[in-house]
Amino acid sequence: MIEQQGRESDQAYEVRRRRVGVGGFFVGVCVALGFFAFFPGMPHVIDWGAIVVALVVGVAVRWGCRGWVRKR
């Protein structure tokens, strides 16, 4: 009984961690693309370089969010 409860709490923790990671990734990508699209002085064009940088920023934010959840 205790073992089953421990597995359920581990699964809930992993689901929460995954959701936070996915949300962080999408927020990071959107913020990076918004920066490239609307920052004054930048050419308001989303090219492949901006997409790659946005993906890298999204992965970095995901990594940070998952680490934050792990510490809580």
Protein backbone atom coordinates (compact mmCIF):
# COMPACT_ATOMS: atom_id res chain seq x y z
CA MET A 1 0.00 0.00 0.00
CA ILE A 2 2.75 2.44 0.95
CA GLU A 3 4.76 1.42 -2.11
CA GLN A 4 1.80 2.13 -4.40
CA GLN A 5 1.26 5.54 -2.80
CA GLY A 6 4.95 6.34 -3.31
CA ARG A 7 4.71 5.43 -7.00
CA GLU A 8 1.62 7.61 -7.44
CA SER A 9 3.35 10.59 -5.87
CA ASP A 10 6.41 9.98 -8.07
CA GLN A 11 4.19 9.88 -11.14
CA ALA A 12 2.41 13.08 -10.09
CA TYR A 13 5.79 14.74 -9.57
CA GLU A 14 6.99 13.68 -13.01
CA VAL A 15 3.77 14.87 -14.66
CA ARG A 16 4.07 18.25 -12.94
CA ARG A 17 7.73 18.51 -13.87
CA ARG A 18 6.97 17.66 -17.50
CA ARG A 19 4.13 20.22 -17.68
CA VAL A 20 6.31 22.94 -16.21
CA GLY A 21 9.08 22.05 -18.68
CA VAL A 22 6.75 22.18 -21.69
CA GLY A 23 5.21 25.45 -20.54
CA GLY A 24 8.64 26.95 -19.95
CA PHE A 25 9.79 25.86 -23.39
CA PHE A 26 6.83 27.50 -25.13
CA VAL A 27 7.15 30.69 -23.09
CA GLY A 28 10.87 30.90 -23.87
CA VAL A 29 10.31 30.37 -27.60
CA CYS A 30 7.51 32.93 -27.71
CA VAL A 31 9.50 35.54 -25.79
CA ALA A 32 12.56 35.05 -28.00
CA LEU A 33 10.51 35.26 -31.21
CA GLY A 34 8.69 38.31 -29.84
CA PHE A 35 12.04 39.92 -29.11
CA PHE A 36 13.24 39.35 -32.65
CA ALA A 37 9.93 40.51 -34.12
CA PHE A 38 9.37 43.69 -32.11
CA PHE A 39 12.65 44.92 -30.61
CA PRO A 40 13.46 48.38 -31.99
CA GLY A 41 16.44 48.48 -34.28
CA MET A 42 16.16 44.86 -35.32
CA PRO A 43 15.08 43.96 -38.80
CA HIS A 44 11.51 42.82 -38.22
CA VAL A 45 12.07 39.54 -40.00
CA ILE A 46 12.04 36.11 -38.44
CA ASP A 47 14.76 34.17 -40.25
CA TRP A 48 16.27 30.75 -39.56
CA GLY A 49 18.82 32.22 -37.19
CA ALA A 50 16.08 33.74 -35.05
CA ILE A 51 14.20 30.43 -35.03
CA VAL A 52 17.30 28.51 -33.94
CA VAL A 53 18.06 31.04 -31.21
CA ALA A 54 14.43 30.91 -30.05
CA LEU A 55 14.62 27.12 -29.80
CA VAL A 56 17.86 27.32 -27.82
CA VAL A 57 16.29 29.89 -25.49
CA GLY A 58 13.25 27.63 -25.11
CA VAL A 59 15.44 24.67 -24.17
CA ALA A 60 17.37 26.81 -21.68
CA VAL A 61 14.15 28.06 -20.06
CA ARG A 62 12.80 24.48 -19.95
CA TRP A 63 15.97 23.31 -18.26
CA GLY A 64 15.75 26.15 -15.73
CA CYS A 65 12.09 25.51 -14.96
CA ARG A 66 12.64 21.78 -14.46
CA GLY A 67 15.54 22.54 -12.13
CA TRP A 68 13.39 25.02 -10.22
CA VAL A 69 10.64 22.43 -9.77
CA ARG A 70 13.18 19.84 -8.62
CA LYS A 71 14.43 22.17 -5.87
CA ARG A 72 10.91 22.91 -4.62
